[in-house]
Amino acid sequence: MIKMAGDESDSDLKPSSVAIIREVYDSENAHIKFEMELERALEAGVSVIVIEPEPLGEETARWIYVGNLLHEVSVYSGLCSIASGLAWRSLACTPFGIISVLCSGCYTLSWQWDPCCKYQEEKDRRHLATLPVLSDVTSGTPVVLVHKDNRRKILLHSTVSLAAAAVCLWRLYQTFK
C-alpha cells in the first residue's frame, strides 16, 4: 500500500510528496498491486519513492540502470565518433556513430516516454540518512528513487548523436565523392 509522508490519505499524490510502497502480502495478487502503486506514484511525479518489495525494487533499479547505460553509451560513442571523424580522414568514426545513433534511438523509443526514466536510484548513504521517511520503512533494503529532471540528459545524447551522424555522413561524402 502507498503511504504518503505527511498525508495519511493515499488518494491524492502530490509531486512534492514521498510515496512508500509497502510490502504487504494481503492477497494472491499482491505483486500486481505493488506494480500498480509504483506506476501511480511514477505518473504523479512524486519526489521520493521508497519501494519495499525486493523483487519490484530490483527490477525497477535494473530498468533505470539500463536506461542510464544506453544514455552513457550513446554520449561516449558519439563523442568518439566526432573526435575520430574530425581527427582522421577515414571512416573510423562510422562504427561509433552508428552505435551512438542506435543507443539514442533505443532510449528515445523505449525509455524517454516511461515515467520511470525521470527517477534515479539513490545509493548515497549520507543522503538516505537525511530522508526522515526512511524511519517508517519496515523492509531492510528498500530501493529509494529520487525524481530528477532529465531534459538536459535527453538533449545531450540527442545532440551528440545527431552531431556524430552528421560527422559520419560528412566523412562518407568526403570518401566517396
N, C-alpha and C. Protein backbone atom coordinates (compact mmCIF):
# COMPACT_ATOMS: atom_id res chain seq x y z
N MET A 1 0.84 -1.17 0.00
CA MET A 1 0.00 0.00 0.00
C MET A 1 0.89 1.24 0.00
N ILE A 2 0.51 2.25 -0.73
CA ILE A 2 1.25 3.50 -0.78
C ILE A 2 0.91 4.30 0.47
N LYS A 3 1.94 4.74 1.15
CA LYS A 3 1.75 5.63 2.29
C LYS A 3 2.46 6.93 1.97
N MET A 4 1.75 8.02 2.06
CA MET A 4 2.32 9.32 1.79
C MET A 4 2.86 9.91 3.08
N ALA A 5 4.10 10.38 3.04
CA ALA A 5 4.67 11.04 4.21
C ALA A 5 3.94 12.36 4.43
N GLY A 6 3.45 12.54 5.63
CA GLY A 6 2.76 13.79 5.95
C GLY A 6 1.30 13.80 5.52
N ASP A 7 0.83 12.73 4.92
CA ASP A 7 -0.54 12.69 4.43
C ASP A 7 -1.02 11.25 4.55
N GLU A 8 -2.01 11.02 5.36
CA GLU A 8 -2.47 9.66 5.59
C GLU A 8 -3.36 9.14 4.46
N SER A 9 -3.91 10.02 3.62
CA SER A 9 -4.75 9.54 2.53
C SER A 9 -3.87 9.15 1.36
N ASP A 10 -4.25 8.07 0.69
CA ASP A 10 -3.47 7.66 -0.48
C ASP A 10 -4.21 7.97 -1.77
N SER A 11 -5.20 8.85 -1.72
CA SER A 11 -5.97 9.14 -2.92
C SER A 11 -5.35 10.22 -3.78
N ASP A 12 -4.66 11.20 -3.20
CA ASP A 12 -4.09 12.30 -3.97
C ASP A 12 -2.59 12.36 -3.77
N LEU A 13 -1.84 11.94 -4.79
CA LEU A 13 -0.39 12.03 -4.74
C LEU A 13 0.02 13.39 -5.26
N LYS A 14 0.88 14.06 -4.54
CA LYS A 14 1.37 15.37 -4.95
C LYS A 14 2.83 15.25 -5.34
N PRO A 15 3.28 16.04 -6.35
CA PRO A 15 4.66 15.94 -6.81
C PRO A 15 5.70 16.22 -5.72
N SER A 16 5.34 16.94 -4.67
CA SER A 16 6.32 17.27 -3.64
C SER A 16 6.31 16.25 -2.50
N SER A 17 5.63 15.15 -2.66
CA SER A 17 5.46 14.21 -1.58
C SER A 17 6.39 13.00 -1.70
N VAL A 18 6.24 12.12 -0.73
CA VAL A 18 7.02 10.89 -0.68
C VAL A 18 6.02 9.74 -0.71
N ALA A 19 6.30 8.73 -1.50
CA ALA A 19 5.44 7.55 -1.55
C ALA A 19 6.23 6.35 -1.08
N ILE A 20 5.63 5.55 -0.22
CA ILE A 20 6.23 4.31 0.24
C ILE A 20 5.35 3.18 -0.25
N ILE A 21 5.92 2.29 -1.02
CA ILE A 21 5.18 1.13 -1.49
C ILE A 21 5.48 0.01 -0.50
N ARG A 22 4.52 -0.26 0.34
CA ARG A 22 4.68 -1.21 1.44
C ARG A 22 4.66 -2.65 0.93
N GLU A 23 5.41 -3.48 1.60
CA GLU A 23 5.45 -4.90 1.27
C GLU A 23 4.43 -5.61 2.17
N VAL A 24 3.17 -5.54 1.74
CA VAL A 24 2.07 -6.15 2.48
C VAL A 24 1.42 -7.17 1.56
N TYR A 25 1.59 -8.43 1.90
CA TYR A 25 1.01 -9.51 1.08
C TYR A 25 -0.34 -9.88 1.67
N ASP A 26 -1.38 -9.16 1.23
CA ASP A 26 -2.72 -9.40 1.74
C ASP A 26 -3.60 -10.18 0.77
N SER A 27 -3.04 -10.55 -0.38
CA SER A 27 -3.79 -11.35 -1.34
C SER A 27 -2.82 -12.08 -2.26
N GLU A 28 -3.37 -12.95 -3.10
CA GLU A 28 -2.53 -13.69 -4.05
C GLU A 28 -1.92 -12.77 -5.10
N ASN A 29 -2.58 -11.68 -5.41
CA ASN A 29 -2.14 -10.75 -6.44
C ASN A 29 -1.47 -9.51 -5.86
N ALA A 30 -0.80 -9.67 -4.75
CA ALA A 30 -0.17 -8.52 -4.09
C ALA A 30 0.90 -7.90 -4.98
N HIS A 31 1.65 -8.72 -5.72
CA HIS A 31 2.72 -8.18 -6.59
C HIS A 31 2.14 -7.28 -7.68
N ILE A 32 0.96 -7.59 -8.19
CA ILE A 32 0.30 -6.75 -9.19
C ILE A 32 -0.12 -5.43 -8.55
N LYS A 33 -0.58 -5.50 -7.33
CA LYS A 33 -0.97 -4.30 -6.59
C LYS A 33 0.25 -3.41 -6.37
N PHE A 34 1.40 -4.01 -6.03
CA PHE A 34 2.64 -3.24 -5.85
C PHE A 34 3.01 -2.51 -7.13
N GLU A 35 2.93 -3.22 -8.26
CA GLU A 35 3.27 -2.62 -9.55
C GLU A 35 2.34 -1.46 -9.89
N MET A 36 1.06 -1.62 -9.61
CA MET A 36 0.10 -0.56 -9.88
C MET A 36 0.36 0.66 -9.00
N GLU A 37 0.71 0.43 -7.75
CA GLU A 37 1.02 1.54 -6.85
C GLU A 37 2.28 2.28 -7.30
N LEU A 38 3.28 1.53 -7.76
CA LEU A 38 4.51 2.15 -8.26
C LEU A 38 4.20 2.98 -9.50
N GLU A 39 3.44 2.42 -10.42
CA GLU A 39 3.08 3.14 -11.65
C GLU A 39 2.33 4.43 -11.32
N ARG A 40 1.45 4.36 -10.38
CA ARG A 40 0.67 5.53 -9.97
C ARG A 40 1.58 6.62 -9.38
N ALA A 41 2.52 6.21 -8.56
CA ALA A 41 3.46 7.17 -7.95
C ALA A 41 4.38 7.77 -9.00
N LEU A 42 4.85 6.95 -9.96
CA LEU A 42 5.71 7.44 -11.03
C LEU A 42 4.99 8.47 -11.89
N GLU A 43 3.77 8.16 -12.27
CA GLU A 43 3.00 9.06 -13.13
C GLU A 43 2.63 10.36 -12.41
N ALA A 44 2.51 10.30 -11.08
CA ALA A 44 2.20 11.51 -10.32
C ALA A 44 3.42 12.40 -10.14
N GLY A 45 4.61 11.87 -10.42
CA GLY A 45 5.83 12.67 -10.28
C GLY A 45 6.24 12.91 -8.84
N VAL A 46 5.97 11.94 -7.99
CA VAL A 46 6.32 12.04 -6.57
C VAL A 46 7.83 12.25 -6.42
N SER A 47 8.24 13.10 -5.49
CA SER A 47 9.66 13.44 -5.32
C SER A 47 10.52 12.26 -4.92
N VAL A 48 10.06 11.47 -3.97
CA VAL A 48 10.82 10.31 -3.48
C VAL A 48 9.87 9.12 -3.42
N ILE A 49 10.32 8.00 -3.97
CA ILE A 49 9.54 6.77 -3.92
C ILE A 49 10.39 5.72 -3.23
N VAL A 50 9.84 5.12 -2.19
CA VAL A 50 10.52 4.05 -1.47
C VAL A 50 9.79 2.76 -1.81
N ILE A 51 10.53 1.79 -2.34
CA ILE A 51 9.94 0.52 -2.76
C ILE A 51 10.42 -0.57 -1.80
N GLU A 52 9.52 -1.09 -0.99
CA GLU A 52 9.87 -2.13 -0.04
C GLU A 52 9.94 -3.53 -0.67
N PRO A 53 8.99 -3.91 -1.55
CA PRO A 53 9.06 -5.27 -2.12
C PRO A 53 10.36 -5.45 -2.91
N GLU A 54 11.20 -6.36 -2.48
CA GLU A 54 12.53 -6.52 -3.07
C GLU A 54 12.51 -6.85 -4.57
N PRO A 55 11.68 -7.79 -5.04
CA PRO A 55 11.69 -8.08 -6.49
C PRO A 55 11.32 -6.86 -7.34
N LEU A 56 10.32 -6.11 -6.92
CA LEU A 56 9.89 -4.93 -7.66
C LEU A 56 10.97 -3.85 -7.62
N GLY A 57 11.59 -3.67 -6.47
CA GLY A 57 12.65 -2.68 -6.33
C GLY A 57 13.85 -3.01 -7.21
N GLU A 58 14.25 -4.29 -7.21
CA GLU A 58 15.40 -4.71 -8.04
C GLU A 58 15.09 -4.56 -9.52
N GLU A 59 13.89 -4.93 -9.93
CA GLU A 59 13.50 -4.81 -11.34
C GLU A 59 13.48 -3.35 -11.78
N THR A 60 12.96 -2.49 -10.94
CA THR A 60 12.91 -1.06 -11.26
C THR A 60 14.31 -0.47 -11.32
N ALA A 61 15.16 -0.85 -10.39
CA ALA A 61 16.55 -0.36 -10.39
C ALA A 61 17.29 -0.82 -11.64
N ARG A 62 17.05 -2.07 -12.07
CA ARG A 62 17.67 -2.58 -13.31
C ARG A 62 17.20 -1.80 -14.53
N TRP A 63 15.91 -1.51 -14.58
CA TRP A 63 15.34 -0.76 -15.71
C TRP A 63 15.99 0.62 -15.79
N ILE A 64 16.15 1.29 -14.66
CA ILE A 64 16.79 2.60 -14.63
C ILE A 64 18.25 2.48 -15.03
N TYR A 65 18.93 1.43 -14.56
CA TYR A 65 20.34 1.21 -14.90
C TYR A 65 20.53 1.03 -16.40
N VAL A 66 19.66 0.24 -17.03
CA VAL A 66 19.77 0.01 -18.48
C VAL A 66 19.54 1.31 -19.24
N GLY A 67 18.57 2.10 -18.83
CA GLY A 67 18.34 3.39 -19.46
C GLY A 67 19.54 4.31 -19.33
N ASN A 68 20.14 4.35 -18.14
CA ASN A 68 21.34 5.15 -17.92
C ASN A 68 22.49 4.64 -18.78
N LEU A 69 22.62 3.33 -18.91
CA LEU A 69 23.68 2.74 -19.72
C LEU A 69 23.50 3.11 -21.20
N LEU A 70 22.29 3.04 -21.70
CA LEU A 70 22.04 3.45 -23.08
C LEU A 70 22.41 4.91 -23.30
N HIS A 71 22.05 5.76 -22.35
CA HIS A 71 22.38 7.18 -22.44
C HIS A 71 23.90 7.37 -22.49
N GLU A 72 24.61 6.73 -21.57
CA GLU A 72 26.07 6.90 -21.49
C GLU A 72 26.77 6.36 -22.73
N VAL A 73 26.35 5.19 -23.20
CA VAL A 73 26.97 4.62 -24.40
C VAL A 73 26.71 5.53 -25.60
N SER A 74 25.51 6.08 -25.68
CA SER A 74 25.18 6.99 -26.76
C SER A 74 26.09 8.22 -26.75
N VAL A 75 26.26 8.81 -25.57
CA VAL A 75 27.08 10.02 -25.46
C VAL A 75 28.55 9.72 -25.74
N TYR A 76 29.10 8.70 -25.08
CA TYR A 76 30.54 8.42 -25.24
C TYR A 76 30.89 7.94 -26.64
N SER A 77 30.06 7.08 -27.22
CA SER A 77 30.36 6.63 -28.58
C SER A 77 30.18 7.78 -29.57
N GLY A 78 29.22 8.65 -29.32
CA GLY A 78 29.04 9.83 -30.17
C GLY A 78 30.23 10.76 -30.10
N LEU A 79 30.76 10.98 -28.90
CA LEU A 79 31.94 11.82 -28.75
C LEU A 79 33.16 11.19 -29.43
N CYS A 80 33.29 9.85 -29.31
CA CYS A 80 34.39 9.16 -30.01
C CYS A 80 34.23 9.30 -31.52
N SER A 81 33.03 9.21 -32.00
CA SER A 81 32.77 9.35 -33.43
C SER A 81 33.13 10.75 -33.91
N ILE A 82 32.71 11.75 -33.18
CA ILE A 82 33.01 13.13 -33.56
C ILE A 82 34.52 13.37 -33.54
N ALA A 83 35.17 12.93 -32.47
CA ALA A 83 36.61 13.15 -32.35
C ALA A 83 37.39 12.42 -33.45
N SER A 84 37.05 11.16 -33.69
CA SER A 84 37.79 10.41 -34.72
C SER A 84 37.45 10.92 -36.11
N GLY A 85 36.23 11.38 -36.32
CA GLY A 85 35.85 11.92 -37.62
C GLY A 85 36.55 13.22 -37.94
N LEU A 86 36.81 14.01 -36.92
CA LEU A 86 37.50 15.28 -37.13
C LEU A 86 39.02 15.12 -37.13
N ALA A 87 39.53 14.11 -36.42
CA ALA A 87 40.98 13.93 -36.31
C ALA A 87 41.59 13.19 -37.51
N TRP A 88 40.87 12.19 -38.02
CA TRP A 88 41.42 11.39 -39.11
C TRP A 88 40.54 11.52 -40.35
N ARG A 89 41.16 11.39 -41.47
CA ARG A 89 40.41 11.45 -42.73
C ARG A 89 40.07 10.03 -43.18
N SER A 90 39.30 9.36 -42.35
CA SER A 90 38.90 7.99 -42.66
C SER A 90 37.48 7.76 -42.17
N LEU A 91 37.02 6.54 -42.38
CA LEU A 91 35.67 6.18 -41.93
C LEU A 91 35.69 5.52 -40.55
N ALA A 92 36.76 5.74 -39.80
CA ALA A 92 36.87 5.15 -38.46
C ALA A 92 35.77 5.64 -37.52
N CYS A 93 35.19 6.77 -37.84
CA CYS A 93 34.14 7.33 -36.99
C CYS A 93 32.80 6.61 -37.15
N THR A 94 32.62 5.90 -38.24
CA THR A 94 31.32 5.32 -38.58
C THR A 94 30.80 4.32 -37.54
N PRO A 95 31.59 3.33 -37.08
CA PRO A 95 31.03 2.39 -36.09
C PRO A 95 30.57 3.09 -34.80
N PHE A 96 31.37 4.06 -34.35
CA PHE A 96 30.98 4.79 -33.14
C PHE A 96 29.70 5.59 -33.39
N GLY A 97 29.59 6.19 -34.54
CA GLY A 97 28.40 6.97 -34.88
C GLY A 97 27.16 6.10 -34.95
N ILE A 98 27.30 4.92 -35.54
CA ILE A 98 26.16 4.00 -35.63
C ILE A 98 25.71 3.57 -34.23
N ILE A 99 26.67 3.23 -33.38
CA ILE A 99 26.34 2.82 -32.01
C ILE A 99 25.63 3.96 -31.28
N SER A 100 26.14 5.16 -31.44
CA SER A 100 25.54 6.33 -30.77
C SER A 100 24.10 6.54 -31.21
N VAL A 101 23.88 6.49 -32.50
CA VAL A 101 22.53 6.71 -33.02
C VAL A 101 21.59 5.58 -32.60
N LEU A 102 22.07 4.33 -32.63
CA LEU A 102 21.23 3.20 -32.22
C LEU A 102 20.86 3.28 -30.74
N CYS A 103 21.83 3.59 -29.88
CA CYS A 103 21.54 3.70 -28.44
C CYS A 103 20.61 4.87 -28.15
N SER A 104 20.84 5.99 -28.81
CA SER A 104 19.98 7.14 -28.62
C SER A 104 18.56 6.83 -29.10
N GLY A 105 18.45 6.17 -30.24
CA GLY A 105 17.14 5.79 -30.75
C GLY A 105 16.42 4.81 -29.85
N CYS A 106 17.15 3.83 -29.34
CA CYS A 106 16.56 2.85 -28.42
C CYS A 106 16.08 3.53 -27.14
N TYR A 107 16.89 4.45 -26.61
CA TYR A 107 16.49 5.19 -25.41
C TYR A 107 15.23 6.02 -25.70
N THR A 108 15.23 6.68 -26.84
CA THR A 108 14.09 7.53 -27.19
C THR A 108 12.81 6.70 -27.33
N LEU A 109 12.90 5.56 -27.99
CA LEU A 109 11.72 4.75 -28.21
C LEU A 109 11.24 4.01 -26.96
N SER A 110 12.18 3.52 -26.14
CA SER A 110 11.81 2.65 -25.02
C SER A 110 11.80 3.32 -23.66
N TRP A 111 12.64 4.31 -23.44
CA TRP A 111 12.79 4.86 -22.09
C TRP A 111 12.28 6.28 -21.95
N GLN A 112 12.45 7.10 -22.95
CA GLN A 112 12.16 8.52 -22.82
C GLN A 112 10.71 8.79 -22.40
N TRP A 113 9.79 7.99 -22.85
CA TRP A 113 8.38 8.22 -22.57
C TRP A 113 7.91 7.50 -21.32
N ASP A 114 8.77 6.70 -20.72
CA ASP A 114 8.43 5.99 -19.49
C ASP A 114 8.64 6.93 -18.30
N PRO A 115 7.66 7.07 -17.42
CA PRO A 115 7.84 7.97 -16.28
C PRO A 115 8.98 7.54 -15.35
N CYS A 116 9.39 6.30 -15.43
CA CYS A 116 10.48 5.79 -14.59
C CYS A 116 11.83 6.43 -14.95
N CYS A 117 11.97 6.91 -16.20
CA CYS A 117 13.25 7.49 -16.62
C CYS A 117 13.52 8.83 -15.93
N LYS A 118 12.52 9.39 -15.29
CA LYS A 118 12.70 10.65 -14.57
C LYS A 118 13.21 10.43 -13.15
N TYR A 119 13.53 9.19 -12.81
CA TYR A 119 13.98 8.84 -11.47
C TYR A 119 15.36 8.20 -11.53
N GLN A 120 16.09 8.38 -10.44
CA GLN A 120 17.38 7.73 -10.26
C GLN A 120 17.36 7.04 -8.91
N GLU A 121 18.03 5.90 -8.85
CA GLU A 121 18.13 5.19 -7.58
C GLU A 121 19.12 5.94 -6.69
N GLU A 122 18.69 6.22 -5.48
CA GLU A 122 19.56 6.91 -4.51
C GLU A 122 20.33 5.85 -3.74
N LYS A 123 21.66 5.89 -3.85
CA LYS A 123 22.51 4.92 -3.17
C LYS A 123 23.41 5.57 -2.13
N ASP A 124 23.49 6.90 -2.13
CA ASP A 124 24.34 7.62 -1.21
C ASP A 124 23.78 7.51 0.20
N ARG A 125 24.49 6.82 1.08
CA ARG A 125 24.01 6.59 2.44
C ARG A 125 23.81 7.89 3.23
N ARG A 126 24.66 8.88 2.96
CA ARG A 126 24.52 10.15 3.66
C ARG A 126 23.22 10.84 3.27
N HIS A 127 22.90 10.82 1.99
CA HIS A 127 21.64 11.44 1.55
C HIS A 127 20.44 10.64 2.03
N LEU A 128 20.57 9.31 2.02
CA LEU A 128 19.47 8.47 2.51
C LEU A 128 19.20 8.73 3.99
N ALA A 129 20.27 8.99 4.74
CA ALA A 129 20.11 9.25 6.18
C ALA A 129 19.34 10.54 6.44
N THR A 130 19.34 11.46 5.49
CA THR A 130 18.63 12.74 5.68
C THR A 130 17.14 12.62 5.38
N LEU A 131 16.72 11.51 4.81
CA LEU A 131 15.31 11.33 4.49
C LEU A 131 14.56 10.83 5.72
N PRO A 132 13.70 11.65 6.31
CA PRO A 132 13.01 11.22 7.53
C PRO A 132 12.02 10.09 7.29
N VAL A 133 11.56 9.94 6.07
CA VAL A 133 10.57 8.92 5.77
C VAL A 133 11.13 7.51 5.92
N LEU A 134 12.43 7.34 5.85
CA LEU A 134 13.02 6.00 5.95
C LEU A 134 12.87 5.41 7.35
N SER A 135 12.54 6.23 8.32
CA SER A 135 12.28 5.70 9.67
C SER A 135 10.98 4.91 9.69
N ASP A 136 10.09 5.16 8.72
CA ASP A 136 8.82 4.44 8.63
C ASP A 136 8.92 3.14 7.85
N VAL A 137 10.06 2.88 7.24
CA VAL A 137 10.22 1.72 6.37
C VAL A 137 10.43 0.47 7.20
N THR A 138 9.70 -0.59 6.84
CA THR A 138 9.82 -1.85 7.56
C THR A 138 10.77 -2.82 6.89
N SER A 139 11.03 -2.63 5.60
CA SER A 139 11.92 -3.50 4.86
C SER A 139 13.37 -3.16 5.18
N GLY A 140 14.23 -4.17 5.17
CA GLY A 140 15.64 -3.95 5.47
C GLY A 140 16.41 -3.26 4.36
N THR A 141 16.07 -3.56 3.11
CA THR A 141 16.80 -2.99 1.97
C THR A 141 15.84 -2.44 0.92
N PRO A 142 15.19 -1.33 1.22
CA PRO A 142 14.29 -0.76 0.22
C PRO A 142 15.08 -0.07 -0.90
N VAL A 143 14.45 0.04 -2.06
CA VAL A 143 15.01 0.81 -3.15
C VAL A 143 14.39 2.20 -3.07
N VAL A 144 15.25 3.22 -3.07
CA VAL A 144 14.77 4.60 -2.96
C VAL A 144 15.01 5.28 -4.29
N LEU A 145 13.94 5.78 -4.90
CA LEU A 145 14.02 6.50 -6.16
C LEU A 145 13.79 7.98 -5.90
N VAL A 146 14.63 8.81 -6.51
CA VAL A 146 14.53 10.26 -6.36
C VAL A 146 14.24 10.86 -7.73
N HIS A 147 13.26 11.75 -7.77
CA HIS A 147 12.87 12.40 -9.03
C HIS A 147 13.97 13.36 -9.47
N LYS A 148 14.40 13.24 -10.72
CA LYS A 148 15.43 14.11 -11.30
C LYS A 148 14.91 14.68 -12.62
N ASP A 149 15.33 15.89 -12.93
CA ASP A 149 14.99 16.49 -14.22
C ASP A 149 15.91 15.90 -15.27
N ASN A 150 15.37 15.22 -16.27
CA ASN A 150 16.20 14.54 -17.26
C ASN A 150 16.18 15.23 -18.63
N ARG A 151 15.68 16.45 -18.70
CA ARG A 151 15.62 17.13 -20.00
C ARG A 151 17.01 17.40 -20.57
N ARG A 152 17.95 17.82 -19.72
CA ARG A 152 19.32 18.08 -20.20
C ARG A 152 19.99 16.80 -20.65
N LYS A 153 19.73 15.73 -19.96
CA LYS A 153 20.29 14.41 -20.31
C LYS A 153 19.82 14.00 -21.71
N ILE A 154 18.53 14.13 -21.97
CA ILE A 154 17.97 13.77 -23.27
C ILE A 154 18.51 14.70 -24.35
N LEU A 155 18.57 15.98 -24.06
CA LEU A 155 19.11 16.95 -25.02
C LEU A 155 20.57 16.63 -25.34
N LEU A 156 21.35 16.27 -24.33
CA LEU A 156 22.76 15.96 -24.52
C LEU A 156 22.95 14.77 -25.47
N HIS A 157 22.32 13.63 -25.15
CA HIS A 157 22.58 12.47 -26.01
C HIS A 157 21.95 12.63 -27.39
N SER A 158 20.87 13.36 -27.50
CA SER A 158 20.29 13.61 -28.82
C SER A 158 21.20 14.49 -29.67
N THR A 159 21.73 15.54 -29.06
CA THR A 159 22.62 16.46 -29.78
C THR A 159 23.91 15.76 -30.19
N VAL A 160 24.51 15.02 -29.27
CA VAL A 160 25.76 14.31 -29.58
C VAL A 160 25.53 13.27 -30.68
N SER A 161 24.43 12.54 -30.60
CA SER A 161 24.14 11.53 -31.63
C SER A 161 23.92 12.16 -33.00
N LEU A 162 23.18 13.25 -33.04
CA LEU A 162 22.96 13.93 -34.32
C LEU A 162 24.27 14.49 -34.88
N ALA A 163 25.11 15.06 -34.01
CA ALA A 163 26.41 15.56 -34.46
C ALA A 163 27.29 14.41 -34.96
N ALA A 164 27.26 13.29 -34.28
CA ALA A 164 28.04 12.13 -34.71
C ALA A 164 27.55 11.63 -36.06
N ALA A 165 26.25 11.58 -36.24
CA ALA A 165 25.69 11.17 -37.53
C ALA A 165 26.10 12.14 -38.64
N ALA A 166 26.07 13.42 -38.33
CA ALA A 166 26.47 14.43 -39.33
C ALA A 166 27.95 14.28 -39.70
N VAL A 167 28.80 14.06 -38.72
CA VAL A 167 30.23 13.87 -39.00
C VAL A 167 30.44 12.61 -39.84
N CYS A 168 29.73 11.55 -39.51
CA CYS A 168 29.86 10.30 -40.29
C CYS A 168 29.40 10.50 -41.73
N LEU A 169 28.27 11.16 -41.90
CA LEU A 169 27.79 11.41 -43.26
C LEU A 169 28.74 12.30 -44.04
N TRP A 170 29.31 13.28 -43.36
CA TRP A 170 30.29 14.16 -44.00
C TRP A 170 31.52 13.36 -44.41
N ARG A 171 32.00 12.46 -43.54
CA ARG A 171 33.15 11.61 -43.86
C ARG A 171 32.83 10.66 -45.02
N LEU A 172 31.65 10.11 -45.03
CA LEU A 172 31.23 9.23 -46.14
C LEU A 172 31.21 10.02 -47.44
N TYR A 173 30.67 11.21 -47.42
CA TYR A 173 30.63 12.05 -48.60
C TYR A 173 32.04 12.37 -49.08
N GLN A 174 32.93 12.76 -48.15
CA GLN A 174 34.32 13.08 -48.50
C GLN A 174 35.06 11.88 -49.07
N THR A 175 34.76 10.70 -48.58
CA THR A 175 35.45 9.48 -49.03
C THR A 175 34.99 9.08 -50.42
N PHE A 176 33.70 9.14 -50.70
CA PHE A 176 33.16 8.61 -51.95
C PHE A 176 32.83 9.66 -53.01
N LYS A 177 33.23 10.90 -52.82
CA LYS A 177 32.92 11.92 -53.84
C LYS A 177 33.87 11.87 -55.00
